[in-house]
Amino acid sequence: MKLPAISDSPVPAYRQIVDWFRTLLVSGELKPGTALPSVRRMASDLGVHFNTVAAAYRALADEGWLDLRHGRSARVIERRAPKADAEAVEEFGERLRSLTALMQARGVPVEKLRAELQAVARELKR
């Protein structure tokens, strides 16, 4: 598991960690039963405060991805995907448009954005 580079972006570090783990979980790269590194170990490896990693682990547990027990390692658990409601689908569209606009504002060409979106769509078909 290659660790992410925590950037100085406006996105909080704990959110970057949550997003990275969620990608691994959704893709199946992290399977149920997998033990995650301890909070302190992950914090040291990422160069962040241990409370940052603890917050990320708690967020993932709240989403139903992790089993957290005091004194034991965090473990990936089997999770049933919830059924999205209309509000969640609308939020997805808004966030996707916002992210696309941000990338255009940063100079990413439309062709590159289109290619990336198509690549993601292809991955979803698997």
N, C-alpha and C. Protein backbone atom coordinates (compact mmCIF):
# COMPACT_ATOMS: atom_id res chain seq x y z
N MET A 1 0.86 -1.17 0.00
CA MET A 1 0.00 0.00 0.00
C MET A 1 0.90 1.23 0.00
N LYS A 2 0.87 1.96 -1.11
CA LYS A 2 1.68 3.17 -1.23
C LYS A 2 0.97 4.32 -0.53
N LEU A 3 1.69 4.98 0.37
CA LEU A 3 1.10 6.07 1.15
C LEU A 3 0.91 7.32 0.30
N PRO A 4 -0.15 8.07 0.58
CA PRO A 4 -0.38 9.31 -0.17
C PRO A 4 0.55 10.40 0.32
N ALA A 5 0.77 11.37 -0.51
CA ALA A 5 1.50 12.57 -0.09
C ALA A 5 0.45 13.55 0.43
N ILE A 6 0.54 13.90 1.69
CA ILE A 6 -0.40 14.85 2.26
C ILE A 6 0.03 16.24 1.79
N SER A 7 -0.86 16.89 1.06
CA SER A 7 -0.50 18.17 0.45
C SER A 7 -0.93 19.34 1.31
N ASP A 8 -0.46 20.51 0.93
CA ASP A 8 -0.83 21.75 1.60
C ASP A 8 -2.08 22.36 0.98
N SER A 9 -2.93 21.52 0.43
CA SER A 9 -4.14 22.01 -0.21
C SER A 9 -5.12 22.51 0.85
N PRO A 10 -6.18 23.19 0.41
CA PRO A 10 -7.18 23.64 1.38
C PRO A 10 -7.97 22.47 2.00
N VAL A 11 -7.83 21.28 1.43
CA VAL A 11 -8.52 20.10 1.97
C VAL A 11 -7.76 19.66 3.22
N PRO A 12 -8.45 19.56 4.36
CA PRO A 12 -7.77 19.16 5.60
C PRO A 12 -7.07 17.80 5.45
N ALA A 13 -5.97 17.64 6.16
CA ALA A 13 -5.17 16.41 6.05
C ALA A 13 -6.00 15.18 6.39
N TYR A 14 -6.85 15.25 7.42
CA TYR A 14 -7.62 14.07 7.78
C TYR A 14 -8.55 13.68 6.64
N ARG A 15 -9.10 14.67 5.92
CA ARG A 15 -9.99 14.41 4.80
C ARG A 15 -9.21 13.78 3.64
N GLN A 16 -7.97 14.23 3.42
CA GLN A 16 -7.14 13.62 2.39
C GLN A 16 -6.90 12.14 2.71
N ILE A 17 -6.68 11.84 3.98
CA ILE A 17 -6.45 10.45 4.41
C ILE A 17 -7.72 9.63 4.22
N VAL A 18 -8.87 10.19 4.63
CA VAL A 18 -10.15 9.49 4.46
C VAL A 18 -10.39 9.21 2.98
N ASP A 19 -10.20 10.20 2.14
CA ASP A 19 -10.45 10.03 0.71
C ASP A 19 -9.54 8.96 0.12
N TRP A 20 -8.27 8.94 0.55
CA TRP A 20 -7.31 7.95 0.05
C TRP A 20 -7.75 6.54 0.47
N PHE A 21 -8.06 6.37 1.75
CA PHE A 21 -8.49 5.05 2.22
C PHE A 21 -9.79 4.63 1.55
N ARG A 22 -10.74 5.57 1.41
CA ARG A 22 -12.01 5.22 0.79
C ARG A 22 -11.80 4.71 -0.64
N THR A 23 -10.88 5.31 -1.36
CA THR A 23 -10.58 4.85 -2.72
C THR A 23 -10.07 3.41 -2.69
N LEU A 24 -9.18 3.11 -1.74
CA LEU A 24 -8.66 1.75 -1.62
C LEU A 24 -9.76 0.76 -1.21
N LEU A 25 -10.67 1.19 -0.36
CA LEU A 25 -11.75 0.34 0.11
C LEU A 25 -12.76 0.06 -1.00
N VAL A 26 -13.16 1.09 -1.72
CA VAL A 26 -14.14 0.93 -2.78
C VAL A 26 -13.58 0.07 -3.92
N SER A 27 -12.29 0.25 -4.21
CA SER A 27 -11.67 -0.52 -5.30
C SER A 27 -11.44 -1.98 -4.92
N GLY A 28 -11.54 -2.29 -3.63
CA GLY A 28 -11.30 -3.66 -3.18
C GLY A 28 -9.85 -3.95 -2.86
N GLU A 29 -9.00 -2.93 -2.98
CA GLU A 29 -7.58 -3.11 -2.65
C GLU A 29 -7.40 -3.43 -1.18
N LEU A 30 -8.25 -2.86 -0.33
CA LEU A 30 -8.28 -3.21 1.09
C LEU A 30 -9.50 -4.09 1.31
N LYS A 31 -9.28 -5.30 1.73
CA LYS A 31 -10.35 -6.28 1.89
C LYS A 31 -10.78 -6.39 3.35
N PRO A 32 -12.02 -6.84 3.58
CA PRO A 32 -12.47 -7.08 4.95
C PRO A 32 -11.49 -8.00 5.68
N GLY A 33 -11.22 -7.65 6.93
CA GLY A 33 -10.27 -8.40 7.74
C GLY A 33 -8.88 -7.81 7.77
N THR A 34 -8.60 -6.92 6.82
CA THR A 34 -7.28 -6.28 6.76
C THR A 34 -7.09 -5.37 7.97
N ALA A 35 -5.96 -5.53 8.64
CA ALA A 35 -5.63 -4.65 9.76
C ALA A 35 -4.88 -3.44 9.23
N LEU A 36 -5.29 -2.27 9.66
CA LEU A 36 -4.61 -1.03 9.26
C LEU A 36 -3.47 -0.75 10.23
N PRO A 37 -2.49 0.01 9.80
CA PRO A 37 -1.41 0.40 10.72
C PRO A 37 -1.99 1.16 11.91
N SER A 38 -1.29 1.11 13.03
CA SER A 38 -1.74 1.86 14.20
C SER A 38 -1.80 3.34 13.84
N VAL A 39 -2.57 4.07 14.62
CA VAL A 39 -2.72 5.51 14.41
C VAL A 39 -1.35 6.18 14.47
N ARG A 40 -0.56 5.84 15.48
CA ARG A 40 0.75 6.47 15.64
C ARG A 40 1.69 6.11 14.50
N ARG A 41 1.66 4.87 14.06
CA ARG A 41 2.52 4.43 12.96
C ARG A 41 2.14 5.16 11.67
N MET A 42 0.84 5.21 11.38
CA MET A 42 0.38 5.89 10.17
C MET A 42 0.72 7.37 10.23
N ALA A 43 0.54 7.99 11.39
CA ALA A 43 0.86 9.42 11.55
C ALA A 43 2.34 9.66 11.29
N SER A 44 3.18 8.81 11.84
CA SER A 44 4.62 8.94 11.64
C SER A 44 4.98 8.78 10.17
N ASP A 45 4.41 7.77 9.52
CA ASP A 45 4.70 7.52 8.11
C ASP A 45 4.24 8.66 7.21
N LEU A 46 3.11 9.31 7.58
CA LEU A 46 2.57 10.39 6.76
C LEU A 46 3.12 11.77 7.15
N GLY A 47 3.74 11.84 8.31
CA GLY A 47 4.28 13.12 8.78
C GLY A 47 3.20 14.06 9.27
N VAL A 48 2.16 13.49 9.91
CA VAL A 48 1.08 14.30 10.47
C VAL A 48 0.91 13.95 11.94
N HIS A 49 0.12 14.75 12.64
CA HIS A 49 -0.15 14.50 14.06
C HIS A 49 -1.05 13.26 14.18
N PHE A 50 -0.86 12.49 15.26
CA PHE A 50 -1.64 11.27 15.41
C PHE A 50 -3.14 11.55 15.52
N ASN A 51 -3.53 12.72 16.04
CA ASN A 51 -4.95 13.06 16.11
C ASN A 51 -5.57 13.19 14.72
N THR A 52 -4.76 13.58 13.75
CA THR A 52 -5.24 13.69 12.37
C THR A 52 -5.62 12.32 11.83
N VAL A 53 -4.77 11.34 12.07
CA VAL A 53 -5.06 9.97 11.61
C VAL A 53 -6.22 9.39 12.41
N ALA A 54 -6.25 9.65 13.71
CA ALA A 54 -7.35 9.16 14.54
C ALA A 54 -8.69 9.69 14.03
N ALA A 55 -8.73 10.97 13.65
CA ALA A 55 -9.96 11.55 13.11
C ALA A 55 -10.36 10.86 11.80
N ALA A 56 -9.38 10.56 10.97
CA ALA A 56 -9.66 9.87 9.70
C ALA A 56 -10.20 8.47 9.96
N TYR A 57 -9.58 7.74 10.87
CA TYR A 57 -10.06 6.39 11.19
C TYR A 57 -11.49 6.45 11.75
N ARG A 58 -11.78 7.43 12.62
CA ARG A 58 -13.13 7.56 13.17
C ARG A 58 -14.15 7.85 12.07
N ALA A 59 -13.77 8.73 11.14
CA ALA A 59 -14.67 9.06 10.03
C ALA A 59 -14.98 7.81 9.20
N LEU A 60 -13.97 7.00 8.94
CA LEU A 60 -14.17 5.77 8.16
C LEU A 60 -15.00 4.76 8.95
N ALA A 61 -14.82 4.72 10.25
CA ALA A 61 -15.64 3.84 11.09
C ALA A 61 -17.09 4.31 11.06
N ASP A 62 -17.31 5.62 11.10
CA ASP A 62 -18.66 6.18 11.05
C ASP A 62 -19.35 5.84 9.73
N GLU A 63 -18.57 5.71 8.66
CA GLU A 63 -19.11 5.34 7.35
C GLU A 63 -19.34 3.84 7.22
N GLY A 64 -18.91 3.08 8.24
CA GLY A 64 -19.13 1.64 8.21
C GLY A 64 -18.01 0.83 7.60
N TRP A 65 -16.85 1.43 7.39
CA TRP A 65 -15.72 0.73 6.77
C TRP A 65 -14.81 0.02 7.76
N LEU A 66 -14.68 0.57 8.97
CA LEU A 66 -13.70 0.06 9.92
C LEU A 66 -14.33 -0.34 11.24
N ASP A 67 -13.72 -1.32 11.87
CA ASP A 67 -14.05 -1.69 13.24
C ASP A 67 -12.92 -1.14 14.11
N LEU A 68 -13.27 -0.23 15.00
CA LEU A 68 -12.29 0.36 15.91
C LEU A 68 -12.59 -0.12 17.31
N ARG A 69 -11.59 -0.73 17.92
CA ARG A 69 -11.72 -1.15 19.32
C ARG A 69 -10.48 -0.71 20.05
N HIS A 70 -10.70 -0.14 21.22
CA HIS A 70 -9.58 0.36 22.02
C HIS A 70 -8.57 -0.76 22.28
N GLY A 71 -7.32 -0.47 22.02
CA GLY A 71 -6.25 -1.42 22.29
C GLY A 71 -6.05 -2.45 21.19
N ARG A 72 -6.83 -2.38 20.13
CA ARG A 72 -6.69 -3.31 19.02
C ARG A 72 -6.53 -2.52 17.73
N SER A 73 -6.00 -3.18 16.74
CA SER A 73 -5.81 -2.47 15.47
C SER A 73 -7.15 -2.23 14.79
N ALA A 74 -7.19 -1.19 13.99
CA ALA A 74 -8.37 -0.91 13.17
C ALA A 74 -8.43 -1.97 12.09
N ARG A 75 -9.59 -2.53 11.88
CA ARG A 75 -9.76 -3.57 10.86
C ARG A 75 -10.86 -3.18 9.88
N VAL A 76 -10.61 -3.52 8.62
CA VAL A 76 -11.61 -3.32 7.58
C VAL A 76 -12.72 -4.34 7.80
N ILE A 77 -13.96 -3.90 7.71
CA ILE A 77 -15.10 -4.80 7.88
C ILE A 77 -15.93 -4.84 6.60
N GLU A 78 -16.72 -5.89 6.49
CA GLU A 78 -17.64 -6.03 5.36
C GLU A 78 -18.67 -4.91 5.46
N ARG A 79 -18.91 -4.24 4.37
CA ARG A 79 -19.83 -3.11 4.37
C ARG A 79 -20.79 -3.23 3.20
N ARG A 80 -22.05 -3.12 3.51
CA ARG A 80 -23.04 -3.08 2.45
C ARG A 80 -23.17 -1.65 1.97
N ALA A 81 -23.16 -1.47 0.68
CA ALA A 81 -23.30 -0.12 0.13
C ALA A 81 -24.72 0.37 0.36
N PRO A 82 -24.85 1.56 0.96
CA PRO A 82 -26.20 2.09 1.15
C PRO A 82 -26.81 2.52 -0.18
N LYS A 83 -28.13 2.59 -0.23
CA LYS A 83 -28.81 3.06 -1.44
C LYS A 83 -28.83 4.59 -1.42
N ALA A 84 -28.31 5.19 -2.47
CA ALA A 84 -28.24 6.65 -2.55
C ALA A 84 -29.63 7.22 -2.79
N ASP A 85 -29.93 8.31 -2.10
CA ASP A 85 -31.18 9.01 -2.33
C ASP A 85 -30.95 10.14 -3.34
N ALA A 86 -32.01 10.79 -3.73
CA ALA A 86 -31.93 11.85 -4.74
C ALA A 86 -31.01 12.98 -4.30
N GLU A 87 -31.01 13.28 -3.01
CA GLU A 87 -30.14 14.34 -2.49
C GLU A 87 -28.67 13.98 -2.65
N ALA A 88 -28.32 12.73 -2.41
CA ALA A 88 -26.93 12.29 -2.56
C ALA A 88 -26.49 12.36 -4.03
N VAL A 89 -27.38 11.98 -4.92
CA VAL A 89 -27.05 12.03 -6.35
C VAL A 89 -26.87 13.48 -6.79
N GLU A 90 -27.74 14.35 -6.32
CA GLU A 90 -27.62 15.78 -6.65
C GLU A 90 -26.30 16.36 -6.10
N GLU A 91 -25.97 16.00 -4.87
CA GLU A 91 -24.72 16.47 -4.26
C GLU A 91 -23.51 16.00 -5.08
N PHE A 92 -23.56 14.76 -5.55
CA PHE A 92 -22.47 14.23 -6.38
C PHE A 92 -22.28 15.09 -7.62
N GLY A 93 -23.37 15.41 -8.31
CA GLY A 93 -23.27 16.23 -9.52
C GLY A 93 -22.69 17.60 -9.23
N GLU A 94 -23.13 18.20 -8.13
CA GLU A 94 -22.63 19.53 -7.76
C GLU A 94 -21.13 19.48 -7.44
N ARG A 95 -20.72 18.47 -6.68
CA ARG A 95 -19.30 18.36 -6.31
C ARG A 95 -18.44 18.06 -7.53
N LEU A 96 -18.95 17.24 -8.43
CA LEU A 96 -18.19 16.92 -9.64
C LEU A 96 -18.02 18.17 -10.51
N ARG A 97 -19.10 18.94 -10.67
CA ARG A 97 -19.00 20.18 -11.44
C ARG A 97 -18.05 21.18 -10.77
N SER A 98 -18.11 21.26 -9.46
CA SER A 98 -17.23 22.17 -8.72
C SER A 98 -15.77 21.76 -8.88
N LEU A 99 -15.49 20.48 -8.76
CA LEU A 99 -14.11 20.00 -8.91
C LEU A 99 -13.62 20.22 -10.33
N THR A 100 -14.47 19.97 -11.30
CA THR A 100 -14.10 20.20 -12.70
C THR A 100 -13.78 21.68 -12.93
N ALA A 101 -14.60 22.56 -12.37
CA ALA A 101 -14.35 24.00 -12.51
C ALA A 101 -13.03 24.39 -11.84
N LEU A 102 -12.75 23.83 -10.68
CA LEU A 102 -11.50 24.11 -9.99
C LEU A 102 -10.31 23.69 -10.84
N MET A 103 -10.38 22.52 -11.43
CA MET A 103 -9.26 22.03 -12.24
C MET A 103 -9.09 22.89 -13.50
N GLN A 104 -10.19 23.33 -14.10
CA GLN A 104 -10.10 24.23 -15.24
C GLN A 104 -9.46 25.55 -14.81
N ALA A 105 -9.84 26.06 -13.64
CA ALA A 105 -9.27 27.31 -13.13
C ALA A 105 -7.78 27.17 -12.87
N ARG A 106 -7.34 25.95 -12.58
CA ARG A 106 -5.91 25.70 -12.35
C ARG A 106 -5.15 25.41 -13.64
N GLY A 107 -5.88 25.44 -14.75
CA GLY A 107 -5.21 25.29 -16.04
C GLY A 107 -5.22 23.91 -16.65
N VAL A 108 -5.95 22.97 -16.07
CA VAL A 108 -6.02 21.63 -16.65
C VAL A 108 -6.88 21.72 -17.91
N PRO A 109 -6.35 21.28 -19.04
CA PRO A 109 -7.11 21.36 -20.30
C PRO A 109 -8.38 20.51 -20.25
N VAL A 110 -9.41 20.97 -20.94
CA VAL A 110 -10.69 20.27 -20.99
C VAL A 110 -10.49 18.84 -21.50
N GLU A 111 -9.61 18.66 -22.48
CA GLU A 111 -9.37 17.32 -23.03
C GLU A 111 -8.84 16.37 -21.95
N LYS A 112 -7.97 16.87 -21.08
CA LYS A 112 -7.42 16.05 -20.00
C LYS A 112 -8.52 15.71 -18.99
N LEU A 113 -9.36 16.69 -18.66
CA LEU A 113 -10.47 16.43 -17.75
C LEU A 113 -11.41 15.36 -18.32
N ARG A 114 -11.72 15.50 -19.60
CA ARG A 114 -12.60 14.54 -20.27
C ARG A 114 -11.98 13.14 -20.23
N ALA A 115 -10.69 13.05 -20.51
CA ALA A 115 -10.01 11.75 -20.51
C ALA A 115 -10.03 11.12 -19.12
N GLU A 116 -9.81 11.93 -18.10
CA GLU A 116 -9.82 11.42 -16.72
C GLU A 116 -11.22 10.94 -16.32
N LEU A 117 -12.24 11.72 -16.67
CA LEU A 117 -13.61 11.32 -16.36
C LEU A 117 -13.99 10.03 -17.08
N GLN A 118 -13.55 9.89 -18.32
CA GLN A 118 -13.83 8.66 -19.06
C GLN A 118 -13.09 7.47 -18.45
N ALA A 119 -11.86 7.69 -17.98
CA ALA A 119 -11.10 6.62 -17.33
C ALA A 119 -11.80 6.16 -16.05
N VAL A 120 -12.30 7.12 -15.30
CA VAL A 120 -13.04 6.77 -14.07
C VAL A 120 -14.31 6.00 -14.43
N ALA A 121 -15.01 6.42 -15.45
CA ALA A 121 -16.23 5.75 -15.88
C ALA A 121 -15.93 4.31 -16.31
N ARG A 122 -14.83 4.10 -17.01
CA ARG A 122 -14.44 2.75 -17.40
C ARG A 122 -14.17 1.87 -16.19
N GLU A 123 -13.51 2.45 -15.18
CA GLU A 123 -13.22 1.69 -13.95
C GLU A 123 -14.50 1.29 -13.23
N LEU A 124 -15.53 2.13 -13.30
CA LEU A 124 -16.80 1.83 -12.64
C LEU A 124 -17.51 0.65 -13.29
N LYS A 125 -17.27 0.41 -14.55
CA LYS A 125 -17.94 -0.67 -15.27
C LYS A 125 -17.42 -2.05 -14.85
N ARG A 126 -16.26 -2.09 -14.22
CA ARG A 126 -15.70 -3.39 -13.84
C ARG A 126 -16.46 -4.04 -12.75
